[in-house]
Amino acid sequence: MSRQMIENIDFYYEGGYMVLTEKYHIEKGFCCGNGCRHCPYNFENVPEPKRSELLLKKEAINNITSWDKK
């Protein structure tokens, strides 16, 4: 990605950390393996056991948010 990143579109700050958005990751085109919060690639390049932990956490968050929408 050669363009300049735009705050609140490509990233935002939370607790002093820069958090990359799902949009940014999709445009990048691959999982970097760092376990990013908004990874759209199901953490495919994150080594085990961290990958399984992140997938369980993501599933739990999705279940909570889908419950809130009911």
Foldseek 3Di string as FASTA:
>chain_A
DPDDDDEPPQWHDDPNDTAGALVVQVVVPDQPQPLGPHPPPQSVNPDPPVSVVSNVVVVVVVVVVVVVVD
